[in-house]
Amino acid sequence: QGQFLVEISGTTVTVTCPLDDAGITWDPSGTIEEGKFIIKDHDSTPTNLSCSLGNEKRELYLNARVCANCEELDALTVAGIIAADLLITLGVLILVYYCSRGRKGRASAAGDSRPRGQKMQRPPPVPNPDYEPIRKGQREVYAGLEPRGF
Protein backbone atom coordinates (compact mmCIF):
# COMPACT_ATOMS: atom_id res chain seq x y z
CA GLN A 1 0.00 0.00 0.00
CA GLY A 2 1.45 3.37 0.95
CA GLN A 3 4.85 4.15 2.40
CA PHE A 4 6.09 6.78 4.81
CA LEU A 5 7.77 9.78 3.23
CA VAL A 6 10.72 11.08 5.25
CA GLU A 7 12.33 14.41 4.41
CA ILE A 8 15.50 15.63 6.14
CA SER A 9 16.69 19.23 6.05
CA GLY A 10 19.50 20.15 8.42
CA THR A 11 18.34 18.93 11.83
CA THR A 12 14.62 18.99 10.94
CA VAL A 13 12.92 15.70 10.01
CA THR A 14 9.47 15.72 8.40
CA VAL A 15 7.49 12.45 8.19
CA THR A 16 4.39 12.01 6.06
CA CYS A 17 1.98 9.18 6.93
CA PRO A 18 0.78 6.90 4.13
CA LEU A 19 -2.80 7.19 5.38
CA ASP A 20 -4.68 9.89 3.50
CA ASP A 21 -6.91 11.94 5.76
CA ALA A 22 -6.83 15.00 7.94
CA GLY A 23 -7.71 13.14 11.18
CA ILE A 24 -4.38 11.30 11.55
CA THR A 25 -3.00 10.95 15.07
CA TRP A 26 0.70 10.49 15.71
CA ASP A 27 2.43 8.62 18.51
CA PRO A 28 4.45 10.12 20.17
CA SER A 29 2.65 13.41 19.95
CA GLY A 30 4.57 16.34 18.61
CA THR A 31 4.48 19.16 16.10
CA ILE A 32 2.05 18.41 13.28
CA GLU A 33 1.64 20.67 10.27
CA GLU A 34 -0.67 19.76 7.35
CA GLY A 35 -0.82 16.12 8.52
CA LYS A 36 2.98 15.82 8.59
CA PHE A 37 4.90 15.00 11.76
CA ILE A 38 7.83 17.42 12.22
CA ILE A 39 10.80 16.78 14.50
CA LYS A 40 12.87 19.93 14.96
CA ASP A 41 16.46 19.74 16.30
CA HIS A 42 16.55 15.96 15.92
CA ASP A 43 19.59 14.45 17.68
CA SER A 44 19.95 11.35 15.43
CA THR A 45 18.62 8.94 18.04
CA PRO A 46 16.45 6.11 16.69
CA THR A 47 12.74 6.71 17.23
CA ASN A 48 9.57 4.62 16.85
CA LEU A 49 6.77 6.56 15.17
CA SER A 50 3.24 5.51 14.37
CA CYS A 51 0.34 7.17 12.70
CA SER A 52 -3.21 5.96 12.98
CA LEU A 53 -6.56 6.73 11.46
CA GLY A 54 -9.46 5.00 13.18
CA ASN A 55 -8.54 1.31 13.52
CA GLU A 56 -5.83 1.46 10.85
CA LYS A 57 -2.27 2.00 12.15
CA ARG A 58 1.11 2.32 10.45
CA GLU A 59 4.44 2.12 12.31
CA LEU A 60 7.88 3.43 11.38
CA TYR A 61 11.31 2.90 12.92
CA LEU A 62 13.15 6.15 12.21
CA ASN A 63 16.94 5.98 12.33
CA ALA A 64 17.88 9.22 10.56
CA ARG A 65 21.34 10.78 10.82
CA VAL A 66 21.20 14.55 10.73
CA CYS A 67 23.76 17.32 11.05
CA ALA A 68 23.50 21.09 11.19
CA ASN A 69 26.27 21.86 8.65
CA CYS A 70 25.60 19.16 6.04
CA GLU A 71 25.27 19.99 2.36
CA GLU A 72 23.51 17.68 -0.03
CA LEU A 73 25.25 16.94 -3.34
CA ASP A 74 23.64 15.34 -6.34
CA ALA A 75 25.40 12.69 -8.44
CA LEU A 76 26.22 15.11 -11.27
CA THR A 77 28.07 17.47 -8.91
CA VAL A 78 30.10 14.63 -7.39
CA ALA A 79 30.98 13.29 -10.87
CA GLY A 80 32.05 16.79 -11.94
CA ILE A 81 34.30 17.19 -8.89
CA ILE A 82 35.95 13.81 -9.52
CA ALA A 83 36.44 14.52 -13.25
CA ALA A 84 37.94 17.96 -12.54
CA ASP A 85 40.30 16.44 -9.96
CA LEU A 86 41.47 13.80 -12.45
CA LEU A 87 42.03 16.40 -15.19
CA ILE A 88 44.02 18.66 -12.88
CA THR A 89 46.12 15.71 -11.69
CA LEU A 90 46.77 14.65 -15.29
CA GLY A 91 47.75 18.22 -16.21
CA VAL A 92 50.23 18.43 -13.32
CA LEU A 93 51.64 15.02 -14.29
CA ILE A 94 52.21 16.12 -17.90
CA LEU A 95 53.71 19.43 -16.77
CA VAL A 96 56.17 17.70 -14.43
CA TYR A 97 57.06 15.17 -17.14
CA TYR A 98 57.93 17.82 -19.72
CA CYS A 99 59.78 20.03 -17.24
CA SER A 100 61.87 17.15 -15.91
CA ARG A 101 62.59 15.86 -19.42
CA GLY A 102 63.98 19.23 -20.49
CA ARG A 103 66.13 19.67 -17.37
CA LYS A 104 67.59 16.18 -17.61
CA GLY A 105 69.45 16.95 -20.82
CA ARG A 106 70.72 20.36 -19.66
CA ALA A 107 71.75 19.29 -16.17
CA SER A 108 73.84 16.32 -17.26
CA ALA A 109 75.65 18.31 -19.98
CA ALA A 110 76.50 21.19 -17.65
CA GLY A 111 77.41 19.08 -14.62
CA ASP A 112 79.77 16.67 -16.41
CA SER A 113 83.10 18.29 -17.30
CA ARG A 114 84.65 15.15 -18.82
CA PRO A 115 84.39 14.72 -22.58
CA ARG A 116 81.87 12.23 -23.83
CA GLY A 117 82.63 9.30 -26.07
CA GLN A 118 85.18 6.51 -25.65
CA LYS A 119 87.48 6.81 -22.70
CA MET A 120 91.03 6.89 -23.98
CA GLN A 121 92.68 6.87 -20.56
CA ARG A 122 94.65 3.86 -19.40
CA PRO A 123 94.01 2.41 -15.98
CA PRO A 124 96.57 3.30 -13.32
CA PRO A 125 99.54 0.94 -12.96
CA VAL A 126 99.02 -2.01 -10.66
CA PRO A 127 101.13 -1.57 -7.50
CA ASN A 128 101.64 -5.27 -6.75
CA PRO A 129 103.67 -7.24 -9.35
CA ASP A 130 101.76 -10.44 -8.46
CA TYR A 131 98.75 -8.98 -10.19
CA GLU A 132 100.33 -7.69 -13.38
CA PRO A 133 98.16 -7.85 -16.47
CA ILE A 134 98.84 -10.70 -18.87
CA ARG A 135 100.89 -9.58 -21.82
CA LYS A 136 101.41 -11.51 -24.98
CA GLY A 137 104.17 -14.08 -24.51
CA GLN A 138 104.17 -13.87 -20.67
CA ARG A 139 101.67 -16.56 -19.74
CA GLU A 140 104.12 -18.41 -17.45
CA VAL A 141 103.42 -15.98 -14.58
CA TYR A 142 99.89 -17.34 -14.37
CA ALA A 143 100.59 -20.91 -15.49
CA GLY A 144 100.34 -22.27 -11.92
CA LEU A 145 96.80 -20.84 -11.46
CA GLU A 146 94.72 -23.76 -12.57
CA PRO A 147 91.25 -24.61 -11.27
CA ARG A 148 91.34 -27.02 -8.38
CA GLY A 149 88.50 -29.21 -7.19
CA PHE A 150 87.63 -28.90 -3.51
C-alpha atoms as a PDB file:
ATOM      1  CA  GLN A   1       0.000   0.000   0.000  1.00  0.00           C
ATOM      2  CA  GLY A   2       1.453   3.368   0.951  1.00  0.00           C
ATOM      3  CA  GLN A   3       4.851   4.151   2.400  1.00  0.00           C
ATOM      4  CA  PHE A   4       6.086   6.780   4.807  1.00  0.00           C
ATOM      5  CA  LEU A   5       7.768   9.780   3.232  1.00  0.00           C
ATOM      6  CA  VAL A   6      10.723  11.075   5.249  1.00  0.00           C
ATOM      7  CA  GLU A   7      12.329  14.414   4.413  1.00  0.00           C
ATOM      8  CA  ILE A   8      15.501  15.634   6.140  1.00  0.00           C
ATOM      9  CA  SER A   9      16.690  19.230   6.046  1.00  0.00           C
ATOM     10  CA  GLY A  10      19.501  20.149   8.422  1.00  0.00           C
ATOM     11  CA  THR A  11      18.336  18.927  11.833  1.00  0.00           C
ATOM     12  CA  THR A  12      14.623  18.988  10.940  1.00  0.00           C
ATOM     13  CA  VAL A  13      12.924  15.698  10.008  1.00  0.00           C
ATOM     14  CA  THR A  14       9.469  15.724   8.395  1.00  0.00           C
ATOM     15  CA  VAL A  15       7.490  12.448   8.193  1.00  0.00           C
ATOM     16  CA  THR A  16       4.390  12.014   6.056  1.00  0.00           C
ATOM     17  CA  CYS A  17       1.984   9.184   6.933  1.00  0.00           C
ATOM     18  CA  PRO A  18       0.777   6.898   4.128  1.00  0.00           C
ATOM     19  CA  LEU A  19      -2.805   7.190   5.382  1.00  0.00           C
ATOM     20  CA  ASP A  20      -4.678   9.888   3.503  1.00  0.00           C
ATOM     21  CA  ASP A  21      -6.915  11.939   5.761  1.00  0.00           C
ATOM     22  CA  ALA A  22      -6.826  15.004   7.944  1.00  0.00           C
ATOM     23  CA  GLY A  23      -7.710  13.144  11.183  1.00  0.00           C
ATOM     24  CA  ILE A  24      -4.382  11.300  11.548  1.00  0.00           C
ATOM     25  CA  THR A  25      -3.004  10.945  15.067  1.00  0.00           C
ATOM     26  CA  TRP A  26       0.697  10.487  15.710  1.00  0.00           C
ATOM     27  CA  ASP A  27       2.425   8.621  18.505  1.00  0.00           C
ATOM     28  CA  PRO A  28       4.447  10.116  20.169  1.00  0.00           C
ATOM     29  CA  SER A  29       2.651  13.412  19.947  1.00  0.00           C
ATOM     30  CA  GLY A  30       4.569  16.345  18.614  1.00  0.00           C
ATOM     31  CA  THR A  31       4.481  19.161  16.103  1.00  0.00           C
ATOM     32  CA  ILE A  32       2.048  18.406  13.278  1.00  0.00           C
ATOM     33  CA  GLU A  33       1.636  20.671  10.270  1.00  0.00           C
ATOM     34  CA  GLU A  34      -0.667  19.760   7.351  1.00  0.00           C
ATOM     35  CA  GLY A  35      -0.815  16.123   8.517  1.00  0.00           C
ATOM     36  CA  LYS A  36       2.983  15.824   8.593  1.00  0.00           C
ATOM     37  CA  PHE A  37       4.900  15.002  11.757  1.00  0.00           C
ATOM     38  CA  ILE A  38       7.827  17.416  12.219  1.00  0.00           C
ATOM     39  CA  ILE A  39      10.795  16.776  14.501  1.00  0.00           C
ATOM     40  CA  LYS A  40      12.873  19.932  14.959  1.00  0.00           C
ATOM     41  CA  ASP A  41      16.460  19.741  16.299  1.00  0.00           C
ATOM     42  CA  HIS A  42      16.554  15.956  15.916  1.00  0.00           C
ATOM     43  CA  ASP A  43      19.594  14.453  17.680  1.00  0.00           C
ATOM     44  CA  SER A  44      19.951  11.350  15.428  1.00  0.00           C
ATOM     45  CA  THR A  45      18.620   8.939  18.039  1.00  0.00           C
ATOM     46  CA  PRO A  46      16.451   6.112  16.693  1.00  0.00           C
ATOM     47  CA  THR A  47      12.739   6.710  17.233  1.00  0.00           C
ATOM     48  CA  ASN A  48       9.570   4.619  16.848  1.00  0.00           C
ATOM     49  CA  LEU A  49       6.767   6.565  15.175  1.00  0.00           C
ATOM     50  CA  SER A  50       3.242   5.506  14.370  1.00  0.00           C
ATOM     51  CA  CYS A  51       0.336   7.168  12.696  1.00  0.00           C
ATOM     52  CA  SER A  52      -3.214   5.963  12.977  1.00  0.00           C
ATOM     53  CA  LEU A  53      -6.562   6.735  11.463  1.00  0.00           C
ATOM     54  CA  GLY A  54      -9.457   4.999  13.179  1.00  0.00           C
ATOM     55  CA  ASN A  55      -8.537   1.314  13.521  1.00  0.00           C
ATOM     56  CA  GLU A  56      -5.826   1.460  10.847  1.00  0.00           C
ATOM     57  CA  LYS A  57      -2.267   2.003  12.149  1.00  0.00           C
ATOM     58  CA  ARG A  58       1.109   2.317  10.453  1.00  0.00           C
ATOM     59  CA  GLU A  59       4.438   2.115  12.306  1.00  0.00           C
ATOM     60  CA  LEU A  60       7.876   3.432  11.381  1.00  0.00           C
ATOM     61  CA  TYR A  61      11.309   2.900  12.924  1.00  0.00           C
ATOM     62  CA  LEU A  62      13.145   6.155  12.207  1.00  0.00           C
ATOM     63  CA  ASN A  63      16.942   5.985  12.325  1.00  0.00           C
ATOM     64  CA  ALA A  64      17.884   9.221  10.561  1.00  0.00           C
ATOM     65  CA  ARG A  65      21.337  10.776  10.822  1.00  0.00           C
ATOM     66  CA  VAL A  66      21.202  14.546  10.733  1.00  0.00           C
ATOM     67  CA  CYS A  67      23.758  17.325  11.053  1.00  0.00           C
ATOM     68  CA  ALA A  68      23.496  21.086  11.185  1.00  0.00           C
ATOM     69  CA  ASN A  69      26.272  21.860   8.654  1.00  0.00           C
ATOM     70  CA  CYS A  70      25.597  19.160   6.040  1.00  0.00           C
ATOM     71  CA  GLU A  71      25.274  19.990   2.362  1.00  0.00           C
ATOM     72  CA  GLU A  72      23.509  17.676  -0.026  1.00  0.00           C
ATOM     73  CA  LEU A  73      25.250  16.941  -3.337  1.00  0.00           C
ATOM     74  CA  ASP A  74      23.642  15.335  -6.339  1.00  0.00           C
ATOM     75  CA  ALA A  75      25.401  12.687  -8.440  1.00  0.00           C
ATOM     76  CA  LEU A  76      26.220  15.109 -11.267  1.00  0.00           C
ATOM     77  CA  THR A  77      28.075  17.466  -8.912  1.00  0.00           C
ATOM     78  CA  VAL A  78      30.098  14.628  -7.391  1.00  0.00           C
ATOM     79  CA  ALA A  79      30.980  13.291 -10.870  1.00  0.00           C
ATOM     80  CA  GLY A  80      32.048  16.790 -11.939  1.00  0.00           C
ATOM     81  CA  ILE A  81      34.304  17.193  -8.894  1.00  0.00           C
ATOM     82  CA  ILE A  82      35.954  13.806  -9.521  1.00  0.00           C
ATOM     83  CA  ALA A  83      36.437  14.523 -13.252  1.00  0.00           C
ATOM     84  CA  ALA A  84      37.943  17.963 -12.539  1.00  0.00           C
ATOM     85  CA  ASP A  85      40.300  16.440  -9.964  1.00  0.00           C
ATOM     86  CA  LEU A  86      41.475  13.802 -12.448  1.00  0.00           C
ATOM     87  CA  LEU A  87      42.027  16.395 -15.187  1.00  0.00           C
ATOM     88  CA  ILE A  88      44.024  18.663 -12.878  1.00  0.00           C
ATOM     89  CA  THR A  89      46.123  15.708 -11.688  1.00  0.00           C
ATOM     90  CA  LEU A  90      46.771  14.645 -15.287  1.00  0.00           C
ATOM     91  CA  GLY A  91      47.749  18.219 -16.210  1.00  0.00           C
ATOM     92  CA  VAL A  92      50.229  18.427 -13.320  1.00  0.00           C
ATOM     93  CA  LEU A  93      51.640  15.022 -14.288  1.00  0.00           C
ATOM     94  CA  ILE A  94      52.208  16.115 -17.900  1.00  0.00           C
ATOM     95  CA  LEU A  95      53.714  19.434 -16.774  1.00  0.00           C
ATOM     96  CA  VAL A  96      56.171  17.698 -14.430  1.00  0.00           C
ATOM     97  CA  TYR A  97      57.063  15.169 -17.140  1.00  0.00           C
ATOM     98  CA  TYR A  98      57.927  17.820 -19.722  1.00  0.00           C
ATOM     99  CA  CYS A  99      59.778  20.032 -17.241  1.00  0.00           C
ATOM    100  CA  SER A 100      61.873  17.152 -15.913  1.00  0.00           C
ATOM    101  CA  ARG A 101      62.590  15.858 -19.422  1.00  0.00           C
ATOM    102  CA  GLY A 102      63.980  19.230 -20.490  1.00  0.00           C
ATOM    103  CA  ARG A 103      66.126  19.668 -17.374  1.00  0.00           C
ATOM    104  CA  LYS A 104      67.586  16.175 -17.608  1.00  0.00           C
ATOM    105  CA  GLY A 105      69.454  16.951 -20.825  1.00  0.00           C
ATOM    106  CA  ARG A 106      70.719  20.364 -19.663  1.00  0.00           C
ATOM    107  CA  ALA A 107      71.749  19.292 -16.172  1.00  0.00           C
ATOM    108  CA  SER A 108      73.836  16.320 -17.263  1.00  0.00           C
ATOM    109  CA  ALA A 109      75.652  18.306 -19.980  1.00  0.00           C
ATOM    110  CA  ALA A 110      76.498  21.193 -17.647  1.00  0.00           C
ATOM    111  CA  GLY A 111      77.412  19.082 -14.621  1.00  0.00           C
ATOM    112  CA  ASP A 112      79.765  16.668 -16.415  1.00  0.00           C
ATOM    113  CA  SER A 113      83.100  18.290 -17.297  1.00  0.00           C
ATOM    114  CA  ARG A 114      84.654  15.147 -18.816  1.00  0.00           C
ATOM    115  CA  PRO A 115      84.390  14.725 -22.578  1.00  0.00           C
ATOM    116  CA  ARG A 116      81.868  12.227 -23.830  1.00  0.00           C
ATOM    117  CA  GLY A 117      82.628   9.295 -26.075  1.00  0.00           C
ATOM    118  CA  GLN A 118      85.181   6.506 -25.655  1.00  0.00           C
ATOM    119  CA  LYS A 119      87.479   6.808 -22.701  1.00  0.00           C
ATOM    120  CA  MET A 120      91.029   6.887 -23.980  1.00  0.00           C
ATOM    121  CA  GLN A 121      92.683   6.875 -20.564  1.00  0.00           C
ATOM    122  CA  ARG A 122      94.651   3.858 -19.400  1.00  0.00           C
ATOM    123  CA  PRO A 123      94.013   2.412 -15.984  1.00  0.00           C
ATOM    124  CA  PRO A 124      96.566   3.302 -13.318  1.00  0.00           C
ATOM    125  CA  PRO A 125      99.545   0.938 -12.961  1.00  0.00           C
ATOM    126  CA  VAL A 126      99.018  -2.006 -10.665  1.00  0.00           C
ATOM    127  CA  PRO A 127     101.134  -1.568  -7.498  1.00  0.00           C
ATOM    128  CA  ASN A 128     101.641  -5.271  -6.753  1.00  0.00           C
ATOM    129  CA  PRO A 129     103.667  -7.239  -9.350  1.00  0.00           C
ATOM    130  CA  ASP A 130     101.758 -10.441  -8.460  1.00  0.00           C
ATOM    131  CA  TYR A 131      98.750  -8.981 -10.191  1.00  0.00           C
ATOM    132  CA  GLU A 132     100.330  -7.688 -13.382  1.00  0.00           C
ATOM    133  CA  PRO A 133      98.162  -7.845 -16.470  1.00  0.00           C
ATOM    134  CA  ILE A 134      98.838 -10.701 -18.866  1.00  0.00           C
ATOM    135  CA  ARG A 135     100.888  -9.579 -21.818  1.00  0.00           C
ATOM    136  CA  LYS A 136     101.410 -11.514 -24.981  1.00  0.00           C
ATOM    137  CA  GLY A 137     104.171 -14.082 -24.507  1.00  0.00           C
ATOM    138  CA  GLN A 138     104.168 -13.870 -20.674  1.00  0.00           C
ATOM    139  CA  ARG A 139     101.671 -16.555 -19.737  1.00  0.00           C
ATOM    140  CA  GLU A 140     104.117 -18.415 -17.446  1.00  0.00           C
ATOM    141  CA  VAL A 141     103.424 -15.984 -14.576  1.00  0.00           C
ATOM    142  CA  TYR A 142      99.889 -17.337 -14.373  1.00  0.00           C
ATOM    143  CA  ALA A 143     100.594 -20.906 -15.488  1.00  0.00           C
ATOM    144  CA  GLY A 144     100.338 -22.268 -11.920  1.00  0.00           C
ATOM    145  CA  LEU A 145      96.799 -20.837 -11.458  1.00  0.00           C
ATOM    146  CA  GLU A 146      94.717 -23.763 -12.567  1.00  0.00           C
ATOM    147  CA  PRO A 147      91.254 -24.612 -11.274  1.00  0.00           C
ATOM    148  CA  ARG A 148      91.337 -27.021  -8.381  1.00  0.00           C
ATOM    149  CA  GLY A 149      88.496 -29.210  -7.185  1.00  0.00           C
ATOM    150  CA  PHE A 150      87.626 -28.903  -3.507  1.00  0.00           C
END
